[in-house]
Amino acid sequence: LVHGFAEAYAADTRFRVAHHGAALLPPDRSAMVPIPVLLDGADATRVLDEDGVVVTAFAVAHDPVKPAFGYRFDYGGRSVVVSGDTAPSPNLVTQARGADVLVHEAQANAVVRIMADAARQAGESRIAKILGDIPSYHTDPADAAREAVAAGVRLLVLTHLTPPPDGALLARIFRRDVNGVPPRGMVLGEDGTLVVLPKGSDAVDVTRLDP
């Protein structure tokens, strides 16, 4: 994948070096270097440990996509876990244990199934097939909330929201079957959502970036 990007941008790199000069843009510094993430049978592996920042990659359930990773970020006694694309995953619960924030993908599977039925009735078999398949490798909001509670995280932020909850009705549907949330609650993430974890504190502040 990285080599493919390098090949795609090779001409652009040559043009920019020719324009600005190798002294300003050394060609050898333009190369992207792949860093493989290998679990080798383990459930998780540390991919960065530098200046107090620890990043851990862990396996999640997105079959048939393999490998599929979630990530945990630890710094200054605070921690954030990002699920990545996944169905409900016991390993995610294990790796998110005690985190301040879990950013978890969510798909309103009940709505997706209604959409699949509507497509089937309209004779749109291809769309119906795709919509019928995707619930198997994504997570319903209620399951995401259960995982967050089981992991003992403090705040759950749902992202990758499908179908997009653009109105109040769909937003309510995303919350409808959720029974139990972490101590700081559950947030439907959107553009501008900002979660602040002050260093040296146990505060979890949710706010918004200025438009």
N, C-alpha and C. Protein backbone atom coordinates (compact mmCIF):
# COMPACT_ATOMS: atom_id res chain seq x y z
N LEU A 1 0.83 -1.20 0.00
CA LEU A 1 0.00 0.00 0.00
C LEU A 1 0.87 1.26 0.00
N VAL A 2 1.85 1.29 0.89
CA VAL A 2 2.74 2.46 0.96
C VAL A 2 3.51 2.62 -0.33
N HIS A 3 4.00 1.50 -0.88
CA HIS A 3 4.73 1.57 -2.15
C HIS A 3 3.82 2.09 -3.26
N GLY A 4 2.54 1.72 -3.21
CA GLY A 4 1.59 2.21 -4.20
C GLY A 4 1.43 3.72 -4.12
N PHE A 5 1.31 4.27 -2.89
CA PHE A 5 1.23 5.72 -2.73
C PHE A 5 2.51 6.40 -3.23
N ALA A 6 3.66 5.77 -2.91
CA ALA A 6 4.93 6.35 -3.35
C ALA A 6 5.00 6.41 -4.88
N GLU A 7 4.53 5.36 -5.52
CA GLU A 7 4.53 5.34 -6.98
C GLU A 7 3.57 6.39 -7.54
N ALA A 8 2.40 6.53 -6.89
CA ALA A 8 1.41 7.50 -7.37
C ALA A 8 1.93 8.93 -7.26
N TYR A 9 2.73 9.22 -6.23
CA TYR A 9 3.22 10.58 -6.01
C TYR A 9 4.63 10.81 -6.56
N ALA A 10 5.20 9.80 -7.23
CA ALA A 10 6.58 9.92 -7.69
C ALA A 10 6.77 11.09 -8.65
N ALA A 11 5.86 11.25 -9.62
CA ALA A 11 6.00 12.35 -10.58
C ALA A 11 5.88 13.69 -9.88
N ASP A 12 4.93 13.82 -8.96
CA ASP A 12 4.76 15.07 -8.22
C ASP A 12 6.02 15.41 -7.44
N THR A 13 6.64 14.40 -6.83
CA THR A 13 7.88 14.62 -6.08
C THR A 13 8.97 15.13 -7.00
N ARG A 14 9.12 14.51 -8.16
CA ARG A 14 10.16 14.95 -9.11
C ARG A 14 9.94 16.41 -9.53
N PHE A 15 8.67 16.75 -9.81
CA PHE A 15 8.37 18.11 -10.24
C PHE A 15 8.73 19.13 -9.15
N ARG A 16 8.38 18.82 -7.92
CA ARG A 16 8.62 19.77 -6.84
C ARG A 16 10.11 19.92 -6.54
N VAL A 17 10.85 18.81 -6.62
CA VAL A 17 12.29 18.90 -6.42
C VAL A 17 12.92 19.72 -7.54
N ALA A 18 12.46 19.49 -8.77
CA ALA A 18 12.98 20.24 -9.91
C ALA A 18 12.67 21.73 -9.79
N HIS A 19 11.51 22.04 -9.23
CA HIS A 19 11.08 23.43 -9.11
C HIS A 19 11.82 24.16 -7.99
N HIS A 20 11.89 23.54 -6.82
CA HIS A 20 12.43 24.21 -5.64
C HIS A 20 13.90 23.89 -5.37
N GLY A 21 14.39 22.80 -5.95
CA GLY A 21 15.78 22.41 -5.76
C GLY A 21 15.96 21.37 -4.67
N ALA A 22 16.95 20.50 -4.88
CA ALA A 22 17.19 19.41 -3.94
C ALA A 22 17.69 19.89 -2.60
N ALA A 23 18.30 21.10 -2.56
CA ALA A 23 18.78 21.62 -1.27
C ALA A 23 17.63 21.91 -0.33
N LEU A 24 16.52 22.39 -0.91
CA LEU A 24 15.34 22.70 -0.09
C LEU A 24 14.47 21.46 0.14
N LEU A 25 14.34 20.64 -0.89
CA LEU A 25 13.52 19.43 -0.82
C LEU A 25 14.36 18.21 -1.20
N PRO A 26 15.15 17.71 -0.27
CA PRO A 26 15.98 16.53 -0.57
C PRO A 26 15.11 15.34 -0.99
N PRO A 27 15.36 14.78 -2.16
CA PRO A 27 14.50 13.69 -2.65
C PRO A 27 14.43 12.50 -1.70
N ASP A 28 15.53 12.21 -1.00
CA ASP A 28 15.52 11.03 -0.13
C ASP A 28 14.62 11.20 1.07
N ARG A 29 14.19 12.44 1.37
CA ARG A 29 13.30 12.65 2.51
C ARG A 29 11.83 12.59 2.12
N SER A 30 11.57 12.39 0.85
CA SER A 30 10.18 12.32 0.39
C SER A 30 9.62 10.91 0.47
N ALA A 31 10.49 9.93 0.70
CA ALA A 31 10.06 8.54 0.66
C ALA A 31 9.22 8.19 1.88
N MET A 32 8.12 7.49 1.64
CA MET A 32 7.32 6.93 2.74
C MET A 32 7.86 5.54 3.06
N VAL A 33 8.02 5.26 4.34
CA VAL A 33 8.59 3.99 4.77
C VAL A 33 7.53 3.19 5.50
N PRO A 34 7.18 2.00 4.97
CA PRO A 34 6.17 1.19 5.65
C PRO A 34 6.70 0.61 6.95
N ILE A 35 5.87 0.64 7.98
CA ILE A 35 6.21 0.02 9.26
C ILE A 35 5.16 -1.05 9.56
N PRO A 36 5.47 -2.30 9.31
CA PRO A 36 4.47 -3.36 9.51
C PRO A 36 4.02 -3.46 10.97
N VAL A 37 2.74 -3.72 11.16
CA VAL A 37 2.18 -4.00 12.49
C VAL A 37 1.87 -5.49 12.51
N LEU A 38 2.65 -6.22 13.29
CA LEU A 38 2.55 -7.68 13.32
C LEU A 38 2.15 -8.15 14.71
N LEU A 39 1.04 -8.87 14.77
CA LEU A 39 0.60 -9.41 16.06
C LEU A 39 1.26 -10.74 16.37
N ASP A 40 1.58 -11.52 15.33
CA ASP A 40 2.25 -12.81 15.52
C ASP A 40 1.54 -13.66 16.57
N GLY A 41 0.21 -13.74 16.45
CA GLY A 41 -0.57 -14.58 17.34
C GLY A 41 -0.98 -13.92 18.64
N ALA A 42 -0.44 -12.73 18.91
CA ALA A 42 -0.82 -12.02 20.13
C ALA A 42 -2.11 -11.24 19.90
N ASP A 43 -2.72 -10.78 20.97
CA ASP A 43 -3.94 -9.98 20.87
C ASP A 43 -3.65 -8.50 20.65
N ALA A 44 -2.43 -8.07 21.00
CA ALA A 44 -2.08 -6.66 20.90
C ALA A 44 -0.57 -6.53 20.79
N THR A 45 -0.12 -5.39 20.24
CA THR A 45 1.31 -5.13 20.16
C THR A 45 1.56 -3.63 20.29
N ARG A 46 2.64 -3.26 20.94
CA ARG A 46 2.99 -1.86 21.09
C ARG A 46 3.66 -1.37 19.81
N VAL A 47 3.15 -0.32 19.23
CA VAL A 47 3.71 0.18 17.97
C VAL A 47 4.48 1.48 18.15
N LEU A 48 4.33 2.14 19.30
CA LEU A 48 5.10 3.35 19.59
C LEU A 48 5.24 3.50 21.10
N ASP A 49 6.44 3.83 21.52
CA ASP A 49 6.72 4.15 22.93
C ASP A 49 7.79 5.22 22.92
N GLU A 50 7.36 6.47 22.94
CA GLU A 50 8.30 7.57 22.75
C GLU A 50 7.83 8.81 23.50
N ASP A 51 8.71 9.40 24.28
CA ASP A 51 8.42 10.64 25.02
C ASP A 51 7.15 10.52 25.86
N GLY A 52 6.94 9.35 26.43
CA GLY A 52 5.79 9.14 27.30
C GLY A 52 4.52 8.75 26.59
N VAL A 53 4.55 8.77 25.25
CA VAL A 53 3.38 8.38 24.46
C VAL A 53 3.49 6.90 24.11
N VAL A 54 2.47 6.15 24.48
CA VAL A 54 2.43 4.72 24.16
C VAL A 54 1.22 4.45 23.29
N VAL A 55 1.46 3.85 22.12
CA VAL A 55 0.39 3.49 21.20
C VAL A 55 0.39 1.98 21.05
N THR A 56 -0.76 1.38 21.29
CA THR A 56 -0.90 -0.07 21.21
C THR A 56 -1.93 -0.41 20.14
N ALA A 57 -1.57 -1.28 19.22
CA ALA A 57 -2.50 -1.79 18.22
C ALA A 57 -3.05 -3.13 18.70
N PHE A 58 -4.33 -3.37 18.46
CA PHE A 58 -4.91 -4.64 18.88
C PHE A 58 -5.91 -5.13 17.83
N ALA A 59 -6.10 -6.43 17.80
CA ALA A 59 -6.98 -7.03 16.81
C ALA A 59 -8.44 -6.80 17.17
N VAL A 60 -9.24 -6.51 16.14
CA VAL A 60 -10.69 -6.39 16.31
C VAL A 60 -11.36 -7.31 15.29
N ALA A 61 -12.70 -7.39 15.37
CA ALA A 61 -13.46 -8.35 14.57
C ALA A 61 -14.13 -7.66 13.39
N HIS A 62 -13.49 -7.70 12.24
CA HIS A 62 -14.05 -7.08 11.04
C HIS A 62 -13.98 -8.05 9.86
N ASP A 63 -14.17 -9.32 10.16
CA ASP A 63 -14.10 -10.36 9.13
C ASP A 63 -15.06 -10.06 7.98
N PRO A 64 -14.62 -10.27 6.74
CA PRO A 64 -13.40 -10.96 6.32
C PRO A 64 -12.16 -10.08 6.23
N VAL A 65 -12.23 -8.85 6.72
CA VAL A 65 -11.07 -7.96 6.67
C VAL A 65 -10.08 -8.38 7.75
N LYS A 66 -8.90 -8.81 7.34
CA LYS A 66 -7.86 -9.20 8.28
C LYS A 66 -6.51 -8.78 7.71
N PRO A 67 -5.65 -8.16 8.50
CA PRO A 67 -5.90 -7.76 9.88
C PRO A 67 -6.75 -6.50 9.95
N ALA A 68 -7.46 -6.36 11.05
CA ALA A 68 -8.21 -5.14 11.36
C ALA A 68 -7.80 -4.73 12.77
N PHE A 69 -7.51 -3.45 12.95
CA PHE A 69 -6.93 -2.99 14.21
C PHE A 69 -7.77 -1.91 14.89
N GLY A 70 -7.77 -1.93 16.20
CA GLY A 70 -8.11 -0.80 17.02
C GLY A 70 -6.82 -0.29 17.64
N TYR A 71 -6.87 0.89 18.24
CA TYR A 71 -5.66 1.48 18.82
C TYR A 71 -5.96 2.07 20.19
N ARG A 72 -5.00 1.90 21.09
CA ARG A 72 -5.06 2.53 22.40
C ARG A 72 -3.90 3.52 22.52
N PHE A 73 -4.23 4.73 23.00
CA PHE A 73 -3.24 5.80 23.17
C PHE A 73 -3.16 6.14 24.65
N ASP A 74 -1.98 6.02 25.22
CA ASP A 74 -1.75 6.34 26.63
C ASP A 74 -0.69 7.43 26.74
N TYR A 75 -1.00 8.46 27.55
CA TYR A 75 -0.03 9.53 27.78
C TYR A 75 -0.40 10.27 29.06
N GLY A 76 0.60 10.48 29.89
CA GLY A 76 0.40 11.29 31.09
C GLY A 76 -0.70 10.77 32.00
N GLY A 77 -0.87 9.47 32.06
CA GLY A 77 -1.90 8.89 32.90
C GLY A 77 -3.31 8.94 32.33
N ARG A 78 -3.45 9.42 31.10
CA ARG A 78 -4.75 9.48 30.43
C ARG A 78 -4.73 8.50 29.26
N SER A 79 -5.92 8.09 28.81
CA SER A 79 -5.96 7.07 27.77
C SER A 79 -7.21 7.21 26.91
N VAL A 80 -7.02 6.96 25.62
CA VAL A 80 -8.10 6.97 24.63
C VAL A 80 -7.98 5.70 23.80
N VAL A 81 -9.09 5.06 23.55
CA VAL A 81 -9.12 3.87 22.70
C VAL A 81 -10.02 4.15 21.51
N VAL A 82 -9.53 3.81 20.31
CA VAL A 82 -10.28 3.96 19.08
C VAL A 82 -10.55 2.57 18.52
N SER A 83 -11.81 2.24 18.33
CA SER A 83 -12.17 0.87 17.97
C SER A 83 -11.76 0.49 16.56
N GLY A 84 -11.74 1.46 15.63
CA GLY A 84 -11.66 1.09 14.23
C GLY A 84 -12.95 0.40 13.82
N ASP A 85 -13.02 -0.03 12.56
CA ASP A 85 -14.20 -0.77 12.09
C ASP A 85 -14.21 -2.15 12.75
N THR A 86 -15.32 -2.50 13.40
CA THR A 86 -15.37 -3.78 14.08
C THR A 86 -16.80 -4.17 14.43
N ALA A 87 -17.04 -5.45 14.46
CA ALA A 87 -18.21 -6.01 15.12
C ALA A 87 -17.89 -6.07 16.61
N PRO A 88 -18.87 -6.42 17.45
CA PRO A 88 -18.56 -6.57 18.87
C PRO A 88 -17.35 -7.48 19.07
N SER A 89 -16.43 -7.05 19.92
CA SER A 89 -15.13 -7.73 20.04
C SER A 89 -14.71 -7.86 21.49
N PRO A 90 -14.61 -9.09 22.01
CA PRO A 90 -14.11 -9.26 23.38
C PRO A 90 -12.72 -8.69 23.57
N ASN A 91 -11.89 -8.78 22.54
CA ASN A 91 -10.53 -8.25 22.69
C ASN A 91 -10.54 -6.73 22.82
N LEU A 92 -11.48 -6.07 22.16
CA LEU A 92 -11.60 -4.62 22.33
C LEU A 92 -11.92 -4.28 23.78
N VAL A 93 -12.82 -5.04 24.38
CA VAL A 93 -13.16 -4.80 25.78
C VAL A 93 -11.92 -4.95 26.66
N THR A 94 -11.13 -5.98 26.39
CA THR A 94 -9.92 -6.21 27.17
C THR A 94 -8.93 -5.06 27.01
N GLN A 95 -8.71 -4.64 25.78
CA GLN A 95 -7.70 -3.60 25.53
C GLN A 95 -8.16 -2.21 25.97
N ALA A 96 -9.48 -2.01 26.05
CA ALA A 96 -10.01 -0.70 26.48
C ALA A 96 -10.16 -0.59 27.99
N ARG A 97 -9.79 -1.62 28.69
CA ARG A 97 -10.04 -1.66 30.14
C ARG A 97 -9.50 -0.41 30.84
N GLY A 98 -10.40 0.29 31.53
CA GLY A 98 -10.00 1.42 32.35
C GLY A 98 -9.65 2.69 31.59
N ALA A 99 -9.90 2.74 30.28
CA ALA A 99 -9.56 3.94 29.51
C ALA A 99 -10.48 5.09 29.88
N ASP A 100 -9.99 6.30 29.67
CA ASP A 100 -10.82 7.48 29.90
C ASP A 100 -11.93 7.58 28.86
N VAL A 101 -11.57 7.35 27.59
CA VAL A 101 -12.51 7.53 26.50
C VAL A 101 -12.41 6.35 25.54
N LEU A 102 -13.56 5.84 25.13
CA LEU A 102 -13.63 4.85 24.05
C LEU A 102 -14.35 5.50 22.88
N VAL A 103 -13.65 5.64 21.77
CA VAL A 103 -14.25 6.13 20.53
C VAL A 103 -14.59 4.90 19.71
N HIS A 104 -15.89 4.62 19.59
CA HIS A 104 -16.34 3.34 19.02
C HIS A 104 -17.22 3.59 17.81
N GLU A 105 -16.96 2.84 16.76
CA GLU A 105 -17.85 2.91 15.60
C GLU A 105 -19.24 2.43 15.97
N ALA A 106 -20.25 2.91 15.25
CA ALA A 106 -21.63 2.50 15.54
C ALA A 106 -22.47 2.55 14.26
N GLN A 107 -23.28 1.52 14.12
CA GLN A 107 -24.20 1.45 12.99
C GLN A 107 -25.56 1.03 13.52
N ALA A 108 -26.59 1.79 13.18
CA ALA A 108 -27.94 1.46 13.61
C ALA A 108 -28.45 0.30 12.76
N ASN A 109 -28.15 -0.92 13.20
CA ASN A 109 -28.41 -2.09 12.37
C ASN A 109 -29.90 -2.31 12.09
N ALA A 110 -30.75 -1.92 13.03
CA ALA A 110 -32.19 -2.07 12.79
C ALA A 110 -32.62 -1.22 11.60
N VAL A 111 -32.07 -0.02 11.50
CA VAL A 111 -32.40 0.86 10.38
C VAL A 111 -31.81 0.32 9.09
N VAL A 112 -30.60 -0.19 9.15
CA VAL A 112 -29.96 -0.75 7.96
C VAL A 112 -30.76 -1.93 7.42
N ARG A 113 -31.29 -2.74 8.33
CA ARG A 113 -32.09 -3.89 7.88
C ARG A 113 -33.40 -3.43 7.24
N ILE A 114 -34.00 -2.37 7.76
CA ILE A 114 -35.20 -1.81 7.14
C ILE A 114 -34.86 -1.32 5.73
N MET A 115 -33.73 -0.67 5.60
CA MET A 115 -33.29 -0.19 4.28
C MET A 115 -33.06 -1.35 3.33
N ALA A 116 -32.49 -2.45 3.85
CA ALA A 116 -32.25 -3.63 3.01
C ALA A 116 -33.58 -4.22 2.53
N ASP A 117 -34.57 -4.31 3.42
CA ASP A 117 -35.89 -4.83 3.03
C ASP A 117 -36.54 -3.94 1.99
N ALA A 118 -36.41 -2.62 2.17
CA ALA A 118 -37.01 -1.69 1.20
C ALA A 118 -36.35 -1.84 -0.16
N ALA A 119 -35.03 -2.00 -0.17
CA ALA A 119 -34.33 -2.18 -1.44
C ALA A 119 -34.75 -3.48 -2.10
N ARG A 120 -34.93 -4.53 -1.31
CA ARG A 120 -35.34 -5.82 -1.86
C ARG A 120 -36.73 -5.72 -2.49
N GLN A 121 -37.63 -5.05 -1.78
CA GLN A 121 -38.99 -4.89 -2.30
C GLN A 121 -39.04 -4.02 -3.55
N ALA A 122 -38.05 -3.13 -3.69
CA ALA A 122 -37.98 -2.27 -4.86
C ALA A 122 -37.24 -2.93 -6.03
N GLY A 123 -36.83 -4.18 -5.82
CA GLY A 123 -36.12 -4.89 -6.87
C GLY A 123 -34.65 -4.52 -6.98
N GLU A 124 -34.13 -3.80 -5.99
CA GLU A 124 -32.71 -3.41 -6.00
C GLU A 124 -31.90 -4.47 -5.27
N SER A 125 -31.71 -5.61 -5.92
CA SER A 125 -31.11 -6.77 -5.26
C SER A 125 -29.66 -6.53 -4.86
N ARG A 126 -28.92 -5.79 -5.67
CA ARG A 126 -27.52 -5.55 -5.35
C ARG A 126 -27.40 -4.71 -4.08
N ILE A 127 -28.17 -3.61 -4.03
CA ILE A 127 -28.15 -2.76 -2.84
C ILE A 127 -28.65 -3.53 -1.62
N ALA A 128 -29.70 -4.34 -1.82
CA ALA A 128 -30.24 -5.13 -0.71
C ALA A 128 -29.19 -6.09 -0.16
N LYS A 129 -28.43 -6.70 -1.06
CA LYS A 129 -27.39 -7.63 -0.64
C LYS A 129 -26.32 -6.92 0.20
N ILE A 130 -25.87 -5.76 -0.28
CA ILE A 130 -24.84 -5.02 0.46
C ILE A 130 -25.35 -4.59 1.83
N LEU A 131 -26.56 -4.03 1.86
CA LEU A 131 -27.12 -3.58 3.13
C LEU A 131 -27.38 -4.75 4.07
N GLY A 132 -27.72 -5.91 3.51
CA GLY A 132 -27.94 -7.08 4.34
C GLY A 132 -26.66 -7.64 4.92
N ASP A 133 -25.54 -7.41 4.22
CA ASP A 133 -24.26 -7.96 4.68
C ASP A 133 -23.60 -7.12 5.77
N ILE A 134 -23.69 -5.79 5.67
CA ILE A 134 -22.82 -4.95 6.50
C ILE A 134 -23.09 -5.00 8.00
N PRO A 135 -24.31 -5.37 8.47
CA PRO A 135 -24.44 -5.46 9.93
C PRO A 135 -23.53 -6.50 10.57
N SER A 136 -23.05 -7.47 9.79
CA SER A 136 -22.24 -8.53 10.37
C SER A 136 -20.86 -8.07 10.78
N TYR A 137 -20.39 -6.93 10.25
CA TYR A 137 -19.04 -6.52 10.66
C TYR A 137 -18.97 -5.09 11.18
N HIS A 138 -20.13 -4.60 11.65
CA HIS A 138 -20.17 -3.34 12.37
C HIS A 138 -20.87 -3.56 13.71
N THR A 139 -20.93 -2.53 14.54
CA THR A 139 -21.44 -2.66 15.90
C THR A 139 -22.65 -1.77 16.11
N ASP A 140 -23.71 -2.37 16.62
CA ASP A 140 -24.90 -1.60 16.98
C ASP A 140 -24.60 -0.73 18.19
N PRO A 141 -25.22 0.46 18.29
CA PRO A 141 -24.94 1.33 19.43
C PRO A 141 -25.15 0.66 20.79
N ALA A 142 -26.17 -0.18 20.90
CA ALA A 142 -26.41 -0.85 22.19
C ALA A 142 -25.25 -1.76 22.55
N ASP A 143 -24.69 -2.46 21.55
CA ASP A 143 -23.54 -3.33 21.80
C ASP A 143 -22.30 -2.51 22.15
N ALA A 144 -22.13 -1.37 21.48
CA ALA A 144 -20.99 -0.51 21.80
C ALA A 144 -21.08 -0.02 23.24
N ALA A 145 -22.28 0.34 23.68
CA ALA A 145 -22.46 0.78 25.06
C ALA A 145 -22.17 -0.34 26.04
N ARG A 146 -22.62 -1.56 25.72
CA ARG A 146 -22.33 -2.70 26.60
C ARG A 146 -20.82 -2.93 26.71
N GLU A 147 -20.12 -2.81 25.59
CA GLU A 147 -18.67 -3.00 25.62
C GLU A 147 -18.00 -1.91 26.46
N ALA A 148 -18.47 -0.68 26.32
CA ALA A 148 -17.89 0.43 27.09
C ALA A 148 -18.07 0.21 28.58
N VAL A 149 -19.26 -0.22 28.98
CA VAL A 149 -19.52 -0.47 30.40
C VAL A 149 -18.67 -1.64 30.89
N ALA A 150 -18.59 -2.69 30.08
CA ALA A 150 -17.79 -3.86 30.47
C ALA A 150 -16.32 -3.52 30.62
N ALA A 151 -15.83 -2.59 29.78
CA ALA A 151 -14.41 -2.21 29.84
C ALA A 151 -14.14 -1.22 30.97
N GLY A 152 -15.18 -0.63 31.53
CA GLY A 152 -14.98 0.33 32.61
C GLY A 152 -14.44 1.66 32.14
N VAL A 153 -14.75 2.04 30.89
CA VAL A 153 -14.30 3.35 30.41
C VAL A 153 -15.19 4.43 31.02
N ARG A 154 -14.75 5.68 30.91
CA ARG A 154 -15.48 6.77 31.55
C ARG A 154 -16.43 7.48 30.60
N LEU A 155 -16.07 7.51 29.30
CA LEU A 155 -16.91 8.19 28.31
C LEU A 155 -16.89 7.38 27.03
N LEU A 156 -18.07 7.24 26.41
CA LEU A 156 -18.20 6.57 25.12
C LEU A 156 -18.55 7.61 24.07
N VAL A 157 -17.75 7.68 23.02
CA VAL A 157 -18.03 8.56 21.89
C VAL A 157 -18.28 7.68 20.67
N LEU A 158 -19.49 7.75 20.13
CA LEU A 158 -19.82 6.96 18.95
C LEU A 158 -19.43 7.73 17.69
N THR A 159 -18.81 7.02 16.75
CA THR A 159 -18.41 7.62 15.50
C THR A 159 -18.72 6.64 14.37
N HIS A 160 -18.34 7.00 13.11
CA HIS A 160 -18.68 6.13 11.97
C HIS A 160 -20.18 5.86 12.00
N LEU A 161 -20.98 6.88 12.21
CA LEU A 161 -22.41 6.71 12.43
C LEU A 161 -23.14 6.47 11.12
N THR A 162 -23.68 5.27 10.98
CA THR A 162 -24.44 4.92 9.78
C THR A 162 -25.76 4.28 10.18
N PRO A 163 -26.86 4.71 9.48
CA PRO A 163 -26.96 5.87 8.61
C PRO A 163 -26.72 7.14 9.42
N PRO A 164 -26.22 8.21 8.78
CA PRO A 164 -25.92 9.43 9.53
C PRO A 164 -27.15 9.97 10.26
N PRO A 165 -27.06 10.19 11.56
CA PRO A 165 -28.21 10.71 12.33
C PRO A 165 -28.35 12.22 12.15
N ASP A 166 -28.78 12.61 10.96
CA ASP A 166 -28.83 14.04 10.65
C ASP A 166 -29.99 14.77 11.34
N GLY A 167 -30.98 14.02 11.78
CA GLY A 167 -32.12 14.65 12.45
C GLY A 167 -32.34 14.08 13.83
N ALA A 168 -33.26 14.69 14.55
CA ALA A 168 -33.52 14.27 15.93
C ALA A 168 -34.05 12.83 16.00
N LEU A 169 -34.84 12.42 14.99
CA LEU A 169 -35.42 11.07 15.01
C LEU A 169 -34.33 10.00 14.93
N LEU A 170 -33.42 10.14 13.97
CA LEU A 170 -32.35 9.15 13.86
C LEU A 170 -31.43 9.19 15.07
N ALA A 171 -31.19 10.37 15.62
CA ALA A 171 -30.37 10.47 16.83
C ALA A 171 -31.01 9.69 17.97
N ARG A 172 -32.34 9.77 18.08
CA ARG A 172 -33.04 9.01 19.13
C ARG A 172 -32.93 7.51 18.86
N ILE A 173 -32.98 7.11 17.58
CA ILE A 173 -32.86 5.69 17.25
C ILE A 173 -31.50 5.15 17.69
N PHE A 174 -30.44 5.97 17.54
CA PHE A 174 -29.11 5.52 17.95
C PHE A 174 -29.05 5.28 19.45
N ARG A 175 -29.92 5.94 20.21
CA ARG A 175 -29.90 5.79 21.67
C ARG A 175 -31.00 4.85 22.19
N ARG A 176 -31.90 4.46 21.31
CA ARG A 176 -33.16 3.82 21.74
C ARG A 176 -32.95 2.55 22.56
N ASP A 177 -32.08 1.66 22.12
CA ASP A 177 -31.93 0.37 22.79
C ASP A 177 -30.74 0.33 23.74
N VAL A 178 -30.15 1.47 24.01
CA VAL A 178 -28.98 1.52 24.89
C VAL A 178 -29.45 1.45 26.34
N ASN A 179 -28.98 0.44 27.04
CA ASN A 179 -29.29 0.27 28.45
C ASN A 179 -27.99 0.31 29.24
N GLY A 180 -27.72 1.44 29.85
CA GLY A 180 -26.50 1.58 30.62
C GLY A 180 -25.39 2.20 29.80
N VAL A 181 -24.77 3.24 30.35
CA VAL A 181 -23.67 3.93 29.69
C VAL A 181 -22.57 4.17 30.73
N PRO A 182 -21.36 4.53 30.27
CA PRO A 182 -20.29 4.83 31.23
C PRO A 182 -20.62 6.04 32.11
N PRO A 183 -19.83 6.26 33.15
CA PRO A 183 -20.14 7.35 34.10
C PRO A 183 -20.29 8.72 33.46
N ARG A 184 -19.48 9.03 32.44
CA ARG A 184 -19.58 10.33 31.79
C ARG A 184 -20.51 10.30 30.59
N GLY A 185 -21.19 9.17 30.37
CA GLY A 185 -22.23 9.11 29.35
C GLY A 185 -21.77 8.66 27.99
N MET A 186 -22.63 8.88 27.02
CA MET A 186 -22.40 8.50 25.63
C MET A 186 -22.68 9.71 24.75
N VAL A 187 -21.78 9.98 23.82
CA VAL A 187 -21.88 11.13 22.94
C VAL A 187 -21.92 10.63 21.50
N LEU A 188 -22.83 11.18 20.69
CA LEU A 188 -22.79 10.93 19.25
C LEU A 188 -21.79 11.91 18.65
N GLY A 189 -20.64 11.43 18.26
CA GLY A 189 -19.61 12.30 17.74
C GLY A 189 -20.01 12.93 16.42
N GLU A 190 -19.61 14.15 16.23
CA GLU A 190 -19.86 14.85 14.98
C GLU A 190 -18.72 15.81 14.72
N ASP A 191 -18.68 16.39 13.52
CA ASP A 191 -17.63 17.35 13.21
C ASP A 191 -17.63 18.46 14.26
N GLY A 192 -16.48 18.68 14.88
CA GLY A 192 -16.37 19.72 15.89
C GLY A 192 -16.44 19.22 17.32
N THR A 193 -16.82 17.95 17.53
CA THR A 193 -16.82 17.42 18.89
C THR A 193 -15.39 17.37 19.41
N LEU A 194 -15.17 17.91 20.58
CA LEU A 194 -13.83 17.97 21.17
C LEU A 194 -13.88 17.39 22.58
N VAL A 195 -13.06 16.39 22.82
CA VAL A 195 -12.93 15.78 24.15
C VAL A 195 -11.55 16.13 24.69
N VAL A 196 -11.54 16.75 25.86
CA VAL A 196 -10.29 17.21 26.47
C VAL A 196 -10.02 16.40 27.73
N LEU A 197 -8.80 15.86 27.82
CA LEU A 197 -8.35 15.11 29.00
C LEU A 197 -7.16 15.85 29.60
N PRO A 198 -7.39 16.75 30.53
CA PRO A 198 -6.28 17.53 31.10
C PRO A 198 -5.27 16.62 31.79
N LYS A 199 -3.99 16.85 31.50
CA LYS A 199 -2.94 16.07 32.14
C LYS A 199 -2.93 16.34 33.64
N GLY A 200 -2.72 15.29 34.42
CA GLY A 200 -2.68 15.45 35.86
C GLY A 200 -4.03 15.60 36.50
N SER A 201 -5.09 15.27 35.76
CA SER A 201 -6.46 15.40 36.26
C SER A 201 -7.23 14.15 35.85
N ASP A 202 -8.38 13.95 36.48
CA ASP A 202 -9.25 12.87 36.03
C ASP A 202 -10.47 13.41 35.29
N ALA A 203 -10.43 14.70 34.93
CA ALA A 203 -11.55 15.33 34.24
C ALA A 203 -11.66 14.80 32.81
N VAL A 204 -12.90 14.69 32.34
CA VAL A 204 -13.19 14.36 30.94
C VAL A 204 -14.17 15.43 30.46
N ASP A 205 -13.67 16.37 29.69
CA ASP A 205 -14.47 17.52 29.27
C ASP A 205 -14.87 17.37 27.81
N VAL A 206 -16.16 17.48 27.55
CA VAL A 206 -16.68 17.39 26.18
C VAL A 206 -17.19 18.76 25.78
N THR A 207 -16.66 19.26 24.68
CA THR A 207 -17.07 20.57 24.20
C THR A 207 -17.08 20.54 22.68
N ARG A 208 -17.14 21.70 22.06
CA ARG A 208 -17.15 21.78 20.60
C ARG A 208 -16.15 22.84 20.14
N LEU A 209 -15.52 22.54 19.02
CA LEU A 209 -14.68 23.54 18.39
C LEU A 209 -15.55 24.65 17.83
N ASP A 210 -15.05 25.84 17.83
CA ASP A 210 -15.79 26.94 17.23
C ASP A 210 -15.95 26.70 15.74
N PRO A 211 -17.13 26.98 15.18
CA PRO A 211 -17.33 26.75 13.74
C PRO A 211 -16.45 27.69 12.92
